[in-house]
Amino acid sequence: MKALVVYESMFGNTEKVARAVADGLGERLEVTLADVGTMPRAFGTDLLVVGGPTHAFGMSRPSTREQSAQQGEVRSGAVDVGVREYLDCSPSLTGMSAAAFDTRIDKPFLPGSAARRIQRHLRRLGCHIVLPAQSFLVRGTTGPLEVLEEKNARQWGASLAATVTAARQTA
């Protein structure tokens, strides 16, 4: 079985989470990890995992990516394309298994989640959501990740893989 992990990352924190998720998935699945800027195709994939940073209570937009770029040095090409644009131009993914994650600042009572918005978008594209959207915490806008978040992401990825393979075996 094949999995595709697509991520958007401004400062590298979401990329670290995506790599950890891919490592967890890799225990049972063949995994491809792709920056959203490459606009990877999900064709031929059994599981699509999409993640990005939470900006202004949801998925990033060109304006929020520009604002982030003013707060610190961002990765090359990070401002150009985000998860929102990737999903907006995606064809129907009817029946594909999918999951969503985000990175967000670790502040109590701070509303909004890119992962929940991504999950909703994946559902509208026809995906079957395997596990609820998951958030991984960063200490500030530019990071770093909170302690143990990479480990948590790896475990979440392993749980996704176990759930998808178990469902495939019972089908």
Protein backbone atom coordinates (compact mmCIF):
# COMPACT_ATOMS: atom_id res chain seq x y z
CA MET A 1 0.00 0.00 0.00
CA LYS A 2 1.13 3.53 -0.77
CA ALA A 3 0.85 6.73 1.23
CA LEU A 4 1.48 10.33 0.19
CA VAL A 5 2.28 12.94 2.84
CA VAL A 6 1.88 16.49 1.52
CA TYR A 7 2.95 19.37 3.73
CA GLU A 8 3.21 23.15 3.78
CA SER A 9 5.90 24.58 6.03
CA MET A 10 7.08 28.15 6.48
CA PHE A 11 9.81 27.78 9.12
CA GLY A 12 10.46 24.02 8.95
CA ASN A 13 8.37 22.91 11.93
CA THR A 14 5.53 21.41 9.88
CA GLU A 15 8.11 19.72 7.67
CA LYS A 16 9.64 18.05 10.75
CA VAL A 17 6.20 16.81 11.76
CA ALA A 18 5.50 15.58 8.22
CA ARG A 19 8.80 13.66 8.19
CA ALA A 20 7.95 12.07 11.54
CA VAL A 21 4.45 11.12 10.31
CA ALA A 22 6.04 9.61 7.19
CA ASP A 23 8.47 7.64 9.38
CA GLY A 24 5.53 6.21 11.35
CA LEU A 25 3.63 5.37 8.18
CA GLY A 26 6.75 3.76 6.74
CA GLU A 27 6.54 0.94 9.27
CA ARG A 28 3.73 -0.59 7.17
CA LEU A 29 3.35 1.47 3.99
CA GLU A 30 5.44 2.70 1.08
CA VAL A 31 5.60 6.47 1.70
CA THR A 32 6.25 9.50 -0.47
CA LEU A 33 6.87 12.82 1.30
CA ALA A 34 6.23 15.96 -0.75
CA ASP A 35 6.33 19.70 -0.22
CA VAL A 36 3.04 21.23 -1.35
CA GLY A 37 4.96 23.50 -3.73
CA THR A 38 5.69 20.50 -5.95
CA MET A 39 1.91 19.97 -6.37
CA PRO A 40 2.18 16.16 -6.07
CA ARG A 41 -0.54 14.01 -7.60
CA ALA A 42 -2.41 11.63 -5.31
CA PHE A 43 -3.22 9.23 -8.17
CA GLY A 44 -2.34 5.65 -7.25
CA THR A 45 -2.17 6.44 -3.55
CA ASP A 46 -4.05 4.48 -0.90
CA LEU A 47 -3.67 7.11 1.84
CA LEU A 48 -3.31 10.88 1.49
CA VAL A 49 -2.06 12.79 4.55
CA VAL A 50 -2.10 16.59 4.30
CA GLY A 51 -0.69 19.05 6.82
CA GLY A 52 0.13 22.70 7.23
CA PRO A 53 0.58 25.44 9.78
CA THR A 54 -2.40 27.16 11.37
CA HIS A 55 -2.56 30.79 10.20
CA ALA A 56 -5.29 33.20 11.31
CA PHE A 57 -7.42 30.37 12.78
CA GLY A 58 -7.27 28.10 9.72
CA MET A 59 -5.35 27.22 6.56
CA SER A 60 -2.83 29.74 5.30
CA ARG A 61 -3.66 32.19 2.53
CA PRO A 62 -1.23 34.19 0.37
CA SER A 63 -1.65 37.19 2.70
CA THR A 64 -0.94 35.20 5.88
CA ARG A 65 2.10 33.57 4.27
CA GLU A 66 3.40 37.03 3.36
CA GLN A 67 2.86 38.16 6.97
CA SER A 68 4.73 35.11 8.25
CA ALA A 69 7.62 35.85 5.92
CA GLN A 70 7.99 39.22 7.65
CA GLN A 71 8.39 37.51 11.05
CA GLY A 72 11.45 35.44 10.20
CA GLU A 73 13.39 33.67 7.51
CA VAL A 74 11.10 31.27 5.67
CA ARG A 75 11.94 28.27 3.52
CA SER A 76 12.48 28.89 -0.18
CA GLY A 77 9.18 28.88 -2.09
CA ALA A 78 7.09 28.70 1.10
CA VAL A 79 5.10 31.84 0.31
CA ASP A 80 4.08 30.81 -3.22
CA VAL A 81 1.72 27.84 -2.73
CA GLY A 82 -0.04 26.43 0.31
CA VAL A 83 -2.30 23.54 1.21
CA ARG A 84 -5.39 25.65 0.45
CA GLU A 85 -4.33 26.09 -3.19
CA TYR A 86 -3.29 22.45 -3.47
CA LEU A 87 -6.69 21.22 -2.30
CA ASP A 88 -8.58 23.82 -4.35
CA CYS A 89 -7.11 22.45 -7.59
CA SER A 90 -7.33 18.78 -6.61
CA PRO A 91 -9.58 16.50 -8.63
CA SER A 92 -12.22 14.42 -6.87
CA LEU A 93 -10.65 11.85 -4.54
CA THR A 94 -13.76 9.74 -3.98
CA GLY A 95 -13.13 6.82 -1.66
CA MET A 96 -9.47 7.66 -0.95
CA SER A 97 -8.41 7.29 2.68
CA ALA A 98 -7.10 10.54 4.12
CA ALA A 99 -6.00 12.34 7.27
CA ALA A 100 -5.04 15.90 8.21
CA PHE A 101 -2.62 17.50 10.64
CA ASP A 102 -1.39 20.95 11.52
CA THR A 103 1.12 22.78 13.63
CA ARG A 104 -0.14 25.48 15.93
CA ILE A 105 1.10 27.70 18.71
CA ASP A 106 0.82 26.17 22.17
CA LYS A 107 -1.48 28.74 23.78
CA PRO A 108 -4.57 27.74 25.74
CA PHE A 109 -7.90 28.90 24.36
CA LEU A 110 -6.45 29.95 21.00
CA PRO A 111 -9.20 29.02 18.52
CA GLY A 112 -8.85 27.64 15.03
CA SER A 113 -7.12 24.73 13.39
CA ALA A 114 -5.75 24.28 9.89
CA ALA A 115 -6.10 20.51 10.34
CA ARG A 116 -9.85 20.67 10.89
CA ARG A 117 -10.23 22.88 7.79
CA ILE A 118 -8.03 20.55 5.75
CA GLN A 119 -10.08 17.58 6.94
CA ARG A 120 -13.32 19.31 5.86
CA HIS A 121 -11.83 20.04 2.45
CA LEU A 122 -10.70 16.42 2.07
CA ARG A 123 -14.23 15.25 2.89
CA ARG A 124 -15.67 17.58 0.24
CA LEU A 125 -13.26 15.99 -2.26
CA GLY A 126 -14.77 12.58 -1.41
CA CYS A 127 -12.11 11.24 0.93
CA HIS A 128 -12.77 8.82 3.76
CA ILE A 129 -11.20 10.29 6.91
CA VAL A 130 -9.21 7.58 8.70
CA LEU A 131 -8.50 9.34 12.02
CA PRO A 132 -9.57 12.74 13.39
CA ALA A 133 -7.48 15.78 12.52
CA GLN A 134 -4.38 16.09 14.70
CA SER A 135 -2.52 19.19 15.94
CA PHE A 136 1.15 19.32 16.88
CA LEU A 137 2.38 22.20 18.98
CA VAL A 138 5.10 24.79 18.45
CA ARG A 139 6.42 27.23 21.06
CA GLY A 140 6.04 30.34 18.91
CA THR A 141 5.33 31.47 15.37
CA THR A 142 8.74 30.41 14.11
CA GLY A 143 9.04 27.43 16.47
CA PRO A 144 10.62 25.27 17.67
CA LEU A 145 8.35 22.26 18.10
CA GLU A 146 7.35 21.46 21.65
CA VAL A 147 9.22 18.59 23.29
CA LEU A 148 8.02 15.14 22.16
CA GLU A 149 5.94 16.42 19.22
CA GLU A 150 8.09 14.61 16.66
CA LYS A 151 7.65 11.41 18.68
CA ASN A 152 3.89 12.04 18.88
CA ALA A 153 3.78 12.60 15.12
CA ARG A 154 5.64 9.34 14.47
CA GLN A 155 3.14 7.48 16.69
CA TRP A 156 0.20 9.15 14.94
CA GLY A 157 1.64 8.07 11.58
CA ALA A 158 1.99 4.50 12.83
CA SER A 159 -1.64 4.59 14.03
CA LEU A 160 -2.76 5.82 10.60
CA ALA A 161 -0.88 2.99 8.90
CA ALA A 162 -2.33 0.39 11.28
CA THR A 163 -5.86 1.69 10.75
CA VAL A 164 -5.57 1.74 6.95
CA THR A 165 -4.00 -1.72 6.69
CA ALA A 166 -6.55 -3.22 9.11
CA ALA A 167 -9.41 -1.72 7.09
CA ARG A 168 -7.88 -3.06 3.87
CA GLN A 169 -7.57 -6.59 5.33
CA THR A 170 -11.23 -6.68 6.46
CA ALA A 171 -12.52 -5.33 3.12
